Amino acid sequence: MVRIKRIYDAPAANDGTRVLVDQLWPRGVSKEKAALGLWLKEVAPSTELREWFGHQPERFEEFRTRYTDELAHNPAVKELQGLAQRNPTLTLLYGAKDPTMNQAVVLRQFLEENP
């Protein structure tokens, strides 16, 4: 099972393996508080795509398309797919404020469609 969760939310016992999927470390979060299993910034959207999107809701569908294309050609995705296969629960952590329009939403869908 692949879940998503905001890094600012407290870790929970049912999070399983926690993986930060942001390119940048979130402000105000210590490594201890994050309780990460892994920081896999290589699966984050490219800097260019992240800056273009700018968390503007009207750009989300185009962001989804472009990011999915990046993921299809990103060798780091294999590591994440392996983690998802080896762990009963994998929680993808993100720093964005919007819980429905962020890269973790797209990444989870990609992993579900490409196990």
PDB file of N, CA and C in Angstrom:
ATOM      1  N   MET A   1       0.841  -1.166   0.000  1.00  0.00           N
ATOM      2  CA  MET A   1       0.000   0.000   0.000  1.00  0.00           C
ATOM      3  C   MET A   1       0.895   1.240   0.000  1.00  0.00           C
ATOM      4  N   VAL A   2       0.602   2.156  -0.900  1.00  0.00           N
ATOM      5  CA  VAL A   2       1.340   3.415  -0.969  1.00  0.00           C
ATOM      6  C   VAL A   2       0.414   4.524  -0.481  1.00  0.00           C
ATOM      7  N   ARG A   3       0.877   5.213   0.538  1.00  0.00           N
ATOM      8  CA  ARG A   3       0.118   6.319   1.113  1.00  0.00           C
ATOM      9  C   ARG A   3       0.887   7.606   0.871  1.00  0.00           C
ATOM     10  N   ILE A   4       0.204   8.728   1.027  1.00  0.00           N
ATOM     11  CA  ILE A   4       0.880  10.017   0.987  1.00  0.00           C
ATOM     12  C   ILE A   4       0.519  10.791   2.247  1.00  0.00           C
ATOM     13  N   LYS A   5       1.451  11.640   2.661  1.00  0.00           N
ATOM     14  CA  LYS A   5       1.260  12.372   3.906  1.00  0.00           C
ATOM     15  C   LYS A   5       2.149  13.609   3.881  1.00  0.00           C
ATOM     16  N   ARG A   6       1.664  14.647   4.467  1.00  0.00           N
ATOM     17  CA  ARG A   6       2.455  15.873   4.570  1.00  0.00           C
ATOM     18  C   ARG A   6       3.563  15.668   5.606  1.00  0.00           C
ATOM     19  N   ILE A   7       4.769  16.087   5.301  1.00  0.00           N
ATOM     20  CA  ILE A   7       5.906  15.897   6.204  1.00  0.00           C
ATOM     21  C   ILE A   7       5.697  16.639   7.519  1.00  0.00           C
ATOM     22  N   TYR A   8       4.861  17.656   7.518  1.00  0.00           N
ATOM     23  CA  TYR A   8       4.611  18.430   8.738  1.00  0.00           C
ATOM     24  C   TYR A   8       3.645  17.726   9.687  1.00  0.00           C
ATOM     25  N   ASP A   9       2.984  16.666   9.219  1.00  0.00           N
ATOM     26  CA  ASP A   9       2.118  15.873  10.088  1.00  0.00           C
ATOM     27  C   ASP A   9       2.982  14.908  10.886  1.00  0.00           C
ATOM     28  N   ALA A  10       2.574  14.632  12.104  1.00  0.00           N
ATOM     29  CA  ALA A  10       3.360  13.764  12.985  1.00  0.00           C
ATOM     30  C   ALA A  10       3.471  12.349  12.415  1.00  0.00           C
ATOM     31  N   PRO A  11       4.644  11.726  12.572  1.00  0.00           N
ATOM     32  CA  PRO A  11       4.788  10.329  12.165  1.00  0.00           C
ATOM     33  C   PRO A  11       3.812   9.450  12.953  1.00  0.00           C
ATOM     34  N   ALA A  12       3.356   8.384  12.316  1.00  0.00           N
ATOM     35  CA  ALA A  12       2.443   7.444  12.963  1.00  0.00           C
ATOM     36  C   ALA A  12       2.978   6.032  12.796  1.00  0.00           C
ATOM     37  N   ALA A  13       2.602   5.168  13.683  1.00  0.00           N
ATOM     38  CA  ALA A  13       3.075   3.782  13.647  1.00  0.00           C
ATOM     39  C   ALA A  13       2.666   3.084  12.347  1.00  0.00           C
ATOM     40  N   ASN A  14       1.532   3.469  11.782  1.00  0.00           N
ATOM     41  CA  ASN A  14       1.067   2.805  10.563  1.00  0.00           C
ATOM     42  C   ASN A  14       1.606   3.438   9.273  1.00  0.00           C
ATOM     43  N   ASP A  15       2.583   4.334   9.386  1.00  0.00           N
ATOM     44  CA  ASP A  15       3.192   4.941   8.197  1.00  0.00           C
ATOM     45  C   ASP A  15       4.070   3.951   7.432  1.00  0.00           C
ATOM     46  N   GLY A  16       4.541   2.933   8.089  1.00  0.00           N
ATOM     47  CA  GLY A  16       5.470   2.024   7.426  1.00  0.00           C
ATOM     48  C   GLY A  16       6.769   2.737   7.114  1.00  0.00           C
ATOM     49  N   THR A  17       7.323   2.480   5.947  1.00  0.00           N
ATOM     50  CA  THR A  17       8.559   3.136   5.520  1.00  0.00           C
ATOM     51  C   THR A  17       8.216   4.519   4.985  1.00  0.00           C
ATOM     52  N   ARG A  18       8.850   5.527   5.576  1.00  0.00           N
ATOM     53  CA  ARG A  18       8.572   6.928   5.219  1.00  0.00           C
ATOM     54  C   ARG A  18       9.654   7.437   4.275  1.00  0.00           C
ATOM     55  N   VAL A  19       9.210   7.943   3.112  1.00  0.00           N
ATOM     56  CA  VAL A  19      10.143   8.415   2.090  1.00  0.00           C
ATOM     57  C   VAL A  19       9.777   9.843   1.698  1.00  0.00           C
ATOM     58  N   LEU A  20      10.707  10.757   1.907  1.00  0.00           N
ATOM     59  CA  LEU A  20      10.524  12.137   1.468  1.00  0.00           C
ATOM     60  C   LEU A  20      10.791  12.197  -0.034  1.00  0.00           C
ATOM     61  N   VAL A  21       9.819  12.732  -0.791  1.00  0.00           N
ATOM     62  CA  VAL A  21       9.943  12.763  -2.246  1.00  0.00           C
ATOM     63  C   VAL A  21      10.011  14.193  -2.777  1.00  0.00           C
ATOM     64  N   ASP A  22      10.440  15.121  -1.952  1.00  0.00           N
ATOM     65  CA  ASP A  22      10.660  16.510  -2.355  1.00  0.00           C
ATOM     66  C   ASP A  22      12.129  16.701  -2.718  1.00  0.00           C
ATOM     67  N   GLN A  23      12.374  17.597  -3.649  1.00  0.00           N
ATOM     68  CA  GLN A  23      13.741  17.920  -4.043  1.00  0.00           C
ATOM     69  C   GLN A  23      14.438  18.749  -2.962  1.00  0.00           C
ATOM     70  N   LEU A  24      13.662  19.576  -2.289  1.00  0.00           N
ATOM     71  CA  LEU A  24      14.214  20.463  -1.266  1.00  0.00           C
ATOM     72  C   LEU A  24      13.781  19.991   0.119  1.00  0.00           C
ATOM     73  N   TRP A  25      14.678  20.127   1.093  1.00  0.00           N
ATOM     74  CA  TRP A  25      14.331  19.768   2.464  1.00  0.00           C
ATOM     75  C   TRP A  25      13.298  20.762   2.989  1.00  0.00           C
ATOM     76  N   PRO A  26      12.231  20.278   3.625  1.00  0.00           N
ATOM     77  CA  PRO A  26      11.181  21.181   4.119  1.00  0.00           C
ATOM     78  C   PRO A  26      11.653  22.044   5.287  1.00  0.00           C
ATOM     79  N   ARG A  27      11.260  23.300   5.266  1.00  0.00           N
ATOM     80  CA  ARG A  27      11.653  24.241   6.319  1.00  0.00           C
ATOM     81  C   ARG A  27      11.091  23.832   7.668  1.00  0.00           C
ATOM     82  N   GLY A  28      11.929  23.989   8.677  1.00  0.00           N
ATOM     83  CA  GLY A  28      11.479  23.792  10.046  1.00  0.00           C
ATOM     84  C   GLY A  28      11.301  22.352  10.476  1.00  0.00           C
ATOM     85  N   VAL A  29      11.719  21.398   9.654  1.00  0.00           N
ATOM     86  CA  VAL A  29      11.578  19.980  10.009  1.00  0.00           C
ATOM     87  C   VAL A  29      12.968  19.406  10.252  1.00  0.00           C
ATOM     88  N   SER A  30      13.198  18.936  11.462  1.00  0.00           N
ATOM     89  CA  SER A  30      14.490  18.314  11.762  1.00  0.00           C
ATOM     90  C   SER A  30      14.499  16.889  11.214  1.00  0.00           C
ATOM     91  N   LYS A  31      15.665  16.358  11.024  1.00  0.00           N
ATOM     92  CA  LYS A  31      15.777  14.977  10.542  1.00  0.00           C
ATOM     93  C   LYS A  31      15.165  14.004  11.540  1.00  0.00           C
ATOM     94  N   GLU A  32      15.293  14.307  12.827  1.00  0.00           N
ATOM     95  CA  GLU A  32      14.710  13.438  13.848  1.00  0.00           C
ATOM     96  C   GLU A  32      13.186  13.474  13.775  1.00  0.00           C
ATOM     97  N   LYS A  33      12.623  14.673  13.645  1.00  0.00           N
ATOM     98  CA  LYS A  33      11.164  14.823  13.582  1.00  0.00           C
ATOM     99  C   LYS A  33      10.599  14.166  12.319  1.00  0.00           C
ATOM    100  N   ALA A  34      11.357  14.197  11.244  1.00  0.00           N
ATOM    101  CA  ALA A  34      10.887  13.630   9.977  1.00  0.00           C
ATOM    102  C   ALA A  34      10.756  12.112  10.047  1.00  0.00           C
ATOM    103  N   ALA A  35      11.577  11.464  10.847  1.00  0.00           N
ATOM    104  CA  ALA A  35      11.548  10.000  11.010  1.00  0.00           C
ATOM    105  C   ALA A  35      11.538   9.289   9.655  1.00  0.00           C
ATOM    106  N   LEU A  36      12.492   9.659   8.808  1.00  0.00           N
ATOM    107  CA  LEU A  36      12.550   9.117   7.453  1.00  0.00           C
ATOM    108  C   LEU A  36      13.234   7.768   7.387  1.00  0.00           C
ATOM    109  N   GLY A  37      12.765   6.971   6.448  1.00  0.00           N
ATOM    110  CA  GLY A  37      13.501   5.794   6.061  1.00  0.00           C
ATOM    111  C   GLY A  37      14.468   6.170   4.949  1.00  0.00           C
ATOM    112  N   LEU A  38      14.059   7.169   4.137  1.00  0.00           N
ATOM    113  CA  LEU A  38      14.849   7.556   2.971  1.00  0.00           C
ATOM    114  C   LEU A  38      14.395   8.927   2.468  1.00  0.00           C
ATOM    115  N   TRP A  39      15.354   9.700   1.979  1.00  0.00           N
ATOM    116  CA  TRP A  39      15.044  10.934   1.252  1.00  0.00           C
ATOM    117  C   TRP A  39      15.435  10.668  -0.186  1.00  0.00           C
ATOM    118  N   LEU A  40      14.449  10.482  -1.039  1.00  0.00           N
ATOM    119  CA  LEU A  40      14.704  10.145  -2.436  1.00  0.00           C
ATOM    120  C   LEU A  40      14.360  11.344  -3.318  1.00  0.00           C
ATOM    121  N   LYS A  41      15.205  12.369  -3.221  1.00  0.00           N
ATOM    122  CA  LYS A  41      14.941  13.604  -3.962  1.00  0.00           C
ATOM    123  C   LYS A  41      15.065  13.421  -5.469  1.00  0.00           C
ATOM    124  N   GLU A  42      15.694  12.339  -5.895  1.00  0.00           N
ATOM    125  CA  GLU A  42      15.863  12.084  -7.326  1.00  0.00           C
ATOM    126  C   GLU A  42      14.533  11.796  -8.039  1.00  0.00           C
ATOM    127  N   VAL A  43      13.483  11.426  -7.290  1.00  0.00           N
ATOM    128  CA  VAL A  43      12.181  11.171  -7.925  1.00  0.00           C
ATOM    129  C   VAL A  43      11.297  12.414  -7.957  1.00  0.00           C
ATOM    130  N   ALA A  44      11.765  13.488  -7.373  1.00  0.00           N
ATOM    131  CA  ALA A  44      10.997  14.739  -7.370  1.00  0.00           C
ATOM    132  C   ALA A  44      10.943  15.319  -8.785  1.00  0.00           C
ATOM    133  N   PRO A  45       9.973  16.178  -9.045  1.00  0.00           N
ATOM    134  CA  PRO A  45       9.941  16.844 -10.354  1.00  0.00           C
ATOM    135  C   PRO A  45      11.212  17.655 -10.577  1.00  0.00           C
ATOM    136  N   SER A  46      11.575  17.804 -11.832  1.00  0.00           N
ATOM    137  CA  SER A  46      12.743  18.621 -12.154  1.00  0.00           C
ATOM    138  C   SER A  46      12.527  20.042 -11.639  1.00  0.00           C
ATOM    139  N   THR A  47      13.622  20.743 -11.421  1.00  0.00           N
ATOM    140  CA  THR A  47      13.548  22.132 -10.955  1.00  0.00           C
ATOM    141  C   THR A  47      12.700  22.969 -11.911  1.00  0.00           C
ATOM    142  N   GLU A  48      12.915  22.782 -13.203  1.00  0.00           N
ATOM    143  CA  GLU A  48      12.180  23.552 -14.197  1.00  0.00           C
ATOM    144  C   GLU A  48      10.674  23.301 -14.082  1.00  0.00           C
ATOM    145  N   LEU A  49      10.286  22.030 -13.954  1.00  0.00           N
ATOM    146  CA  LEU A  49       8.869  21.694 -13.859  1.00  0.00           C
ATOM    147  C   LEU A  49       8.268  22.201 -12.553  1.00  0.00           C
ATOM    148  N   ARG A  50       8.999  22.025 -11.468  1.00  0.00           N
ATOM    149  CA  ARG A  50       8.516  22.485 -10.162  1.00  0.00           C
ATOM    150  C   ARG A  50       8.281  23.990 -10.174  1.00  0.00           C
ATOM    151  N   GLU A  51       9.229  24.741 -10.720  1.00  0.00           N
ATOM    152  CA  GLU A  51       9.094  26.193 -10.766  1.00  0.00           C
ATOM    153  C   GLU A  51       7.970  26.627 -11.707  1.00  0.00           C
ATOM    154  N   TRP A  52       7.813  25.929 -12.841  1.00  0.00           N
ATOM    155  CA  TRP A  52       6.734  26.251 -13.766  1.00  0.00           C
ATOM    156  C   TRP A  52       5.369  26.030 -13.104  1.00  0.00           C
ATOM    157  N   PHE A  53       5.203  24.914 -12.421  1.00  0.00           N
ATOM    158  CA  PHE A  53       3.929  24.585 -11.775  1.00  0.00           C
ATOM    159  C   PHE A  53       3.585  25.606 -10.698  1.00  0.00           C
ATOM    160  N   GLY A  54       4.518  25.883  -9.818  1.00  0.00           N
ATOM    161  CA  GLY A  54       4.311  26.873  -8.771  1.00  0.00           C
ATOM    162  C   GLY A  54       3.060  26.658  -7.939  1.00  0.00           C
ATOM    163  N   HIS A  55       2.580  25.428  -7.884  1.00  0.00           N
ATOM    164  CA  HIS A  55       1.370  25.059  -7.116  1.00  0.00           C
ATOM    165  C   HIS A  55       0.143  25.866  -7.536  1.00  0.00           C
ATOM    166  N   GLN A  56       0.084  26.196  -8.816  1.00  0.00           N
ATOM    167  CA  GLN A  56      -1.074  26.896  -9.362  1.00  0.00           C
ATOM    168  C   GLN A  56      -2.100  25.850  -9.806  1.00  0.00           C
ATOM    169  N   PRO A  57      -3.259  25.807  -9.181  1.00  0.00           N
ATOM    170  CA  PRO A  57      -4.248  24.758  -9.468  1.00  0.00           C
ATOM    171  C   PRO A  57      -4.592  24.596 -10.945  1.00  0.00           C
ATOM    172  N   GLU A  58      -4.647  25.690 -11.684  1.00  0.00           N
ATOM    173  CA  GLU A  58      -5.002  25.607 -13.096  1.00  0.00           C
ATOM    174  C   GLU A  58      -3.922  24.920 -13.938  1.00  0.00           C
ATOM    175  N   ARG A  59      -2.738  24.758 -13.382  1.00  0.00           N
ATOM    176  CA  ARG A  59      -1.646  24.086 -14.098  1.00  0.00           C
ATOM    177  C   ARG A  59      -1.473  22.623 -13.677  1.00  0.00           C
ATOM    178  N   PHE A  60      -2.281  22.152 -12.730  1.00  0.00           N
ATOM    179  CA  PHE A  60      -2.035  20.823 -12.171  1.00  0.00           C
ATOM    180  C   PHE A  60      -2.147  19.698 -13.209  1.00  0.00           C
ATOM    181  N   GLU A  61      -3.153  19.718 -14.054  1.00  0.00           N
ATOM    182  CA  GLU A  61      -3.303  18.621 -15.020  1.00  0.00           C
ATOM    183  C   GLU A  61      -2.130  18.566 -15.994  1.00  0.00           C
ATOM    184  N   GLU A  62      -1.649  19.721 -16.429  1.00  0.00           N
ATOM    185  CA  GLU A  62      -0.465  19.736 -17.297  1.00  0.00           C
ATOM    186  C   GLU A  62       0.774  19.299 -16.509  1.00  0.00           C
ATOM    187  N   PHE A  63       0.846  19.717 -15.248  1.00  0.00           N
ATOM    188  CA  PHE A  63       1.942  19.263 -14.377  1.00  0.00           C
ATOM    189  C   PHE A  63       1.916  17.753 -14.271  1.00  0.00           C
ATOM    190  N   ARG A  64       0.741  17.166 -14.042  1.00  0.00           N
ATOM    191  CA  ARG A  64       0.600  15.710 -13.923  1.00  0.00           C
ATOM    192  C   ARG A  64       1.146  15.016 -15.177  1.00  0.00           C
ATOM    193  N   THR A  65       0.777  15.531 -16.338  1.00  0.00           N
ATOM    194  CA  THR A  65       1.226  14.937 -17.601  1.00  0.00           C
ATOM    195  C   THR A  65       2.746  15.022 -17.737  1.00  0.00           C
ATOM    196  N   ARG A  66       3.294  16.189 -17.477  1.00  0.00           N
ATOM    197  CA  ARG A  66       4.749  16.386 -17.626  1.00  0.00           C
ATOM    198  C   ARG A  66       5.534  15.581 -16.591  1.00  0.00           C
ATOM    199  N   TYR A  67       5.049  15.567 -15.360  1.00  0.00           N
ATOM    200  CA  TYR A  67       5.759  14.835 -14.302  1.00  0.00           C
ATOM    201  C   TYR A  67       5.687  13.332 -14.545  1.00  0.00           C
ATOM    202  N   THR A  68       4.552  12.847 -15.008  1.00  0.00           N
ATOM    203  CA  THR A  68       4.426  11.422 -15.335  1.00  0.00           C
ATOM    204  C   THR A  68       5.426  11.043 -16.413  1.00  0.00           C
ATOM    205  N   ASP A  69       5.617  11.916 -17.389  1.00  0.00           N
ATOM    206  CA  ASP A  69       6.607  11.665 -18.439  1.00  0.00           C
ATOM    207  C   ASP A  69       8.021  11.631 -17.848  1.00  0.00           C
ATOM    208  N   GLU A  70       8.308  12.559 -16.931  1.00  0.00           N
ATOM    209  CA  GLU A  70       9.626  12.534 -16.270  1.00  0.00           C
ATOM    210  C   GLU A  70       9.819  11.220 -15.512  1.00  0.00           C
ATOM    211  N   LEU A  71       8.796  10.795 -14.804  1.00  0.00           N
ATOM    212  CA  LEU A  71       8.900   9.564 -14.015  1.00  0.00           C
ATOM    213  C   LEU A  71       9.149   8.346 -14.903  1.00  0.00           C
ATOM    214  N   ALA A  72       8.523   8.312 -16.059  1.00  0.00           N
ATOM    215  CA  ALA A  72       8.686   7.184 -16.979  1.00  0.00           C
ATOM    216  C   ALA A  72      10.119   7.037 -17.459  1.00  0.00           C
ATOM    217  N   HIS A  73      10.886   8.118 -17.397  1.00  0.00           N
ATOM    218  CA  HIS A  73      12.279   8.099 -17.865  1.00  0.00           C
ATOM    219  C   HIS A  73      13.284   8.284 -16.726  1.00  0.00           C
ATOM    220  N   ASN A  74      12.835   8.151 -15.496  1.00  0.00           N
ATOM    221  CA  ASN A  74      13.688   8.412 -14.332  1.00  0.00           C
ATOM    222  C   ASN A  74      14.149   7.091 -13.713  1.00  0.00           C
ATOM    223  N   PRO A  75      15.451   6.789 -13.754  1.00  0.00           N
ATOM    224  CA  PRO A  75      15.937   5.520 -13.197  1.00  0.00           C
ATOM    225  C   PRO A  75      15.739   5.399 -11.679  1.00  0.00           C
ATOM    226  N   ALA A  76      15.602   6.496 -10.960  1.00  0.00           N
ATOM    227  CA  ALA A  76      15.409   6.443  -9.509  1.00  0.00           C
ATOM    228  C   ALA A  76      14.048   5.855  -9.137  1.00  0.00           C
ATOM    229  N   VAL A  77      13.123   5.847 -10.067  1.00  0.00           N
ATOM    230  CA  VAL A  77      11.789   5.293  -9.795  1.00  0.00           C
ATOM    231  C   VAL A  77      11.891   3.808  -9.467  1.00  0.00           C
ATOM    232  N   LYS A  78      12.856   3.122 -10.064  1.00  0.00           N
ATOM    233  CA  LYS A  78      13.029   1.686  -9.795  1.00  0.00           C
ATOM    234  C   LYS A  78      13.293   1.427  -8.312  1.00  0.00           C
ATOM    235  N   GLU A  79      14.068   2.281  -7.682  1.00  0.00           N
ATOM    236  CA  GLU A  79      14.331   2.133  -6.250  1.00  0.00           C
ATOM    237  C   GLU A  79      13.036   2.270  -5.450  1.00  0.00           C
ATOM    238  N   LEU A  80      12.224   3.214  -5.816  1.00  0.00           N
ATOM    239  CA  LEU A  80      10.953   3.427  -5.130  1.00  0.00           C
ATOM    240  C   LEU A  80       9.988   2.263  -5.388  1.00  0.00           C
ATOM    241  N   GLN A  81       9.970   1.760  -6.602  1.00  0.00           N
ATOM    242  CA  GLN A  81       9.123   0.605  -6.912  1.00  0.00           C
ATOM    243  C   GLN A  81       9.558  -0.604  -6.081  1.00  0.00           C
ATOM    244  N   GLY A  82      10.867  -0.792  -5.935  1.00  0.00           N
ATOM    245  CA  GLY A  82      11.374  -1.889  -5.105  1.00  0.00           C
ATOM    246  C   GLY A  82      10.964  -1.740  -3.654  1.00  0.00           C
ATOM    247  N   LEU A  83      11.046  -0.518  -3.134  1.00  0.00           N
ATOM    248  CA  LEU A  83      10.610  -0.270  -1.755  1.00  0.00           C
ATOM    249  C   LEU A  83       9.126  -0.579  -1.583  1.00  0.00           C
ATOM    250  N   ALA A  84       8.329  -0.187  -2.566  1.00  0.00           N
ATOM    251  CA  ALA A  84       6.885  -0.440  -2.499  1.00  0.00           C
ATOM    252  C   ALA A  84       6.598  -1.941  -2.519  1.00  0.00           C
ATOM    253  N   GLN A  85       7.377  -2.698  -3.249  1.00  0.00           N
ATOM    254  CA  GLN A  85       7.177  -4.143  -3.323  1.00  0.00           C
ATOM    255  C   GLN A  85       7.631  -4.852  -2.044  1.00  0.00           C
ATOM    256  N   ARG A  86       8.672  -4.331  -1.404  1.00  0.00           N
ATOM    257  CA  ARG A  86       9.238  -4.980  -0.215  1.00  0.00           C
ATOM    258  C   ARG A  86       8.573  -4.564   1.092  1.00  0.00           C
ATOM    259  N   ASN A  87       7.822  -3.478   1.078  1.00  0.00           N
ATOM    260  CA  ASN A  87       7.236  -2.955   2.309  1.00  0.00           C
ATOM    261  C   ASN A  87       5.715  -2.969   2.222  1.00  0.00           C
ATOM    262  N   PRO A  88       5.059  -3.512   3.235  1.00  0.00           N
ATOM    263  CA  PRO A  88       3.594  -3.549   3.199  1.00  0.00           C
ATOM    264  C   PRO A  88       2.976  -2.151   3.122  1.00  0.00           C
ATOM    265  N   THR A  89       3.621  -1.173   3.754  1.00  0.00           N
ATOM    266  CA  THR A  89       3.143   0.209   3.688  1.00  0.00           C
ATOM    267  C   THR A  89       4.318   1.130   3.399  1.00  0.00           C
ATOM    268  N   LEU A  90       4.137   1.960   2.392  1.00  0.00           N
ATOM    269  CA  LEU A  90       5.127   2.959   2.007  1.00  0.00           C
ATOM    270  C   LEU A  90       4.412   4.301   2.038  1.00  0.00           C
ATOM    271  N   THR A  91       4.948   5.247   2.797  1.00  0.00           N
ATOM    272  CA  THR A  91       4.340   6.574   2.879  1.00  0.00           C
ATOM    273  C   THR A  91       5.247   7.583   2.203  1.00  0.00           C
ATOM    274  N   LEU A  92       4.724   8.202   1.152  1.00  0.00           N
ATOM    275  CA  LEU A  92       5.437   9.245   0.431  1.00  0.00           C
ATOM    276  C   LEU A  92       5.160  10.570   1.122  1.00  0.00           C
ATOM    277  N   LEU A  93       6.206  11.244   1.530  1.00  0.00           N
ATOM    278  CA  LEU A  93       6.077  12.502   2.262  1.00  0.00           C
ATOM    279  C   LEU A  93       6.374  13.682   1.352  1.00  0.00           C
ATOM    280  N   TYR A  94       5.575  14.727   1.504  1.00  0.00           N
ATOM    281  CA  TYR A  94       5.722  15.929   0.694  1.00  0.00           C
ATOM    282  C   TYR A  94       5.535  17.149   1.586  1.00  0.00           C
ATOM    283  N   GLY A  95       5.996  18.296   1.126  1.00  0.00           N
ATOM    284  CA  GLY A  95       5.891  19.513   1.919  1.00  0.00           C
ATOM    285  C   GLY A  95       4.813  20.478   1.457  1.00  0.00           C
ATOM    286  N   ALA A  96       4.246  20.278   0.282  1.00  0.00           N
ATOM    287  CA  ALA A  96       3.252  21.204  -0.268  1.00  0.00           C
ATOM    288  C   ALA A  96       2.045  21.350   0.657  1.00  0.00           C
ATOM    289  N   LYS A  97       1.419  22.507   0.587  1.00  0.00           N
ATOM    290  CA  LYS A  97       0.252  22.774   1.433  1.00  0.00           C
ATOM    291  C   LYS A  97      -1.004  22.080   0.920  1.00  0.00           C
ATOM    292  N   ASP A  98      -1.135  21.940  -0.395  1.00  0.00           N
ATOM    293  CA  ASP A  98      -2.340  21.358  -0.976  1.00  0.00           C
ATOM    294  C   ASP A  98      -2.231  19.825  -0.989  1.00  0.00           C
ATOM    295  N   PRO A  99      -3.135  19.136  -0.274  1.00  0.00           N
ATOM    296  CA  PRO A  99      -3.046  17.679  -0.198  1.00  0.00           C
ATOM    297  C   PRO A  99      -3.541  16.953  -1.450  1.00  0.00           C
ATOM    298  N   THR A 100      -4.146  17.670  -2.387  1.00  0.00           N
ATOM    299  CA  THR A 100      -4.688  17.013  -3.575  1.00  0.00           C
ATOM    300  C   THR A 100      -3.948  17.351  -4.860  1.00  0.00           C
ATOM    301  N   MET A 101      -3.146  18.422  -4.835  1.00  0.00           N
ATOM    302  CA  MET A 101      -2.432  18.851  -6.043  1.00  0.00           C
ATOM    303  C   MET A 101      -0.957  19.029  -5.731  1.00  0.00           C
ATOM    304  N   ASN A 102      -0.246  17.911  -5.700  1.00  0.00           N
ATOM    305  CA  ASN A 102       1.192  17.946  -5.441  1.00  0.00           C
ATOM    306  C   ASN A 102       1.847  16.742  -6.105  1.00  0.00           C
ATOM    307  N   GLN A 103       3.153  16.713  -6.109  1.00  0.00           N
ATOM    308  CA  GLN A 103       3.862  15.645  -6.807  1.00  0.00           C
ATOM    309  C   GLN A 103       3.651  14.274  -6.183  1.00  0.00           C
ATOM    310  N   ALA A 104       3.404  14.194  -4.884  1.00  0.00           N
ATOM    311  CA  ALA A 104       3.199  12.892  -4.240  1.00  0.00           C
ATOM    312  C   ALA A 104       1.923  12.222  -4.739  1.00  0.00           C
ATOM    313  N   VAL A 105       0.906  13.016  -5.036  1.00  0.00           N
ATOM    314  CA  VAL A 105      -0.338  12.477  -5.594  1.00  0.00           C
ATOM    315  C   VAL A 105      -0.053  11.811  -6.939  1.00  0.00           C
ATOM    316  N   VAL A 106       0.702  12.497  -7.775  1.00  0.00           N
ATOM    317  CA  VAL A 106       1.049  11.975  -9.096  1.00  0.00           C
ATOM    318  C   VAL A 106       1.963  10.758  -8.964  1.00  0.00           C
ATOM    319  N   LEU A 107       2.921  10.839  -8.076  1.00  0.00           N
ATOM    320  CA  LEU A 107       3.869   9.747  -7.881  1.00  0.00           C
ATOM    321  C   LEU A 107       3.164   8.495  -7.376  1.00  0.00           C
ATOM    322  N   ARG A 108       2.248   8.632  -6.431  1.00  0.00           N
ATOM    323  CA  ARG A 108       1.505   7.465  -5.946  1.00  0.00           C
ATOM    324  C   ARG A 108       0.722   6.829  -7.079  1.00  0.00           C
ATOM    325  N   GLN A 109       0.050   7.620  -7.888  1.00  0.00           N
ATOM    326  CA  GLN A 109      -0.709   7.083  -8.999  1.00  0.00           C
ATOM    327  C   GLN A 109       0.226   6.358  -9.985  1.00  0.00           C
ATOM    328  N   PHE A 110       1.375   6.939 -10.234  1.00  0.00           N
ATOM    329  CA  PHE A 110       2.347   6.318 -11.129  1.00  0.00           C
ATOM    330  C   PHE A 110       2.780   4.955 -10.596  1.00  0.00           C
ATOM    331  N   LEU A 111       3.069   4.878  -9.288  1.00  0.00           N
ATOM    332  CA  LEU A 111       3.492   3.616  -8.687  1.00  0.00           C
ATOM    333  C   LEU A 111       2.382   2.582  -8.713  1.00  0.00           C
ATOM    334  N   GLU A 112       1.146   3.005  -8.517  1.00  0.00           N
ATOM    335  CA  GLU A 112       0.026   2.072  -8.569  1.00  0.00           C
ATOM    336  C   GLU A 112      -0.181   1.522  -9.983  1.00  0.00           C
ATOM    337  N   GLU A 113       0.073   2.339 -10.975  1.00  0.00           N
ATOM    338  CA  GLU A 113      -0.100   1.925 -12.366  1.00  0.00           C
ATOM    339  C   GLU A 113       1.126   1.210 -12.922  1.00  0.00           C
ATOM    340  N   ASN A 114       2.266   1.357 -12.264  1.00  0.00           N
ATOM    341  CA  ASN A 114       3.531   0.767 -12.707  1.00  0.00           C
ATOM    342  C   ASN A 114       4.248   0.096 -11.544  1.00  0.00           C
ATOM    343  N   PRO A 115       3.682  -1.008 -11.042  1.00  0.00           N
ATOM    344  CA  PRO A 115       4.298  -1.640  -9.851  1.00  0.00           C
ATOM    345  C   PRO A 115       5.601  -2.246 -10.212  1.00  0.00           C
TER     346      PRO A 115
END
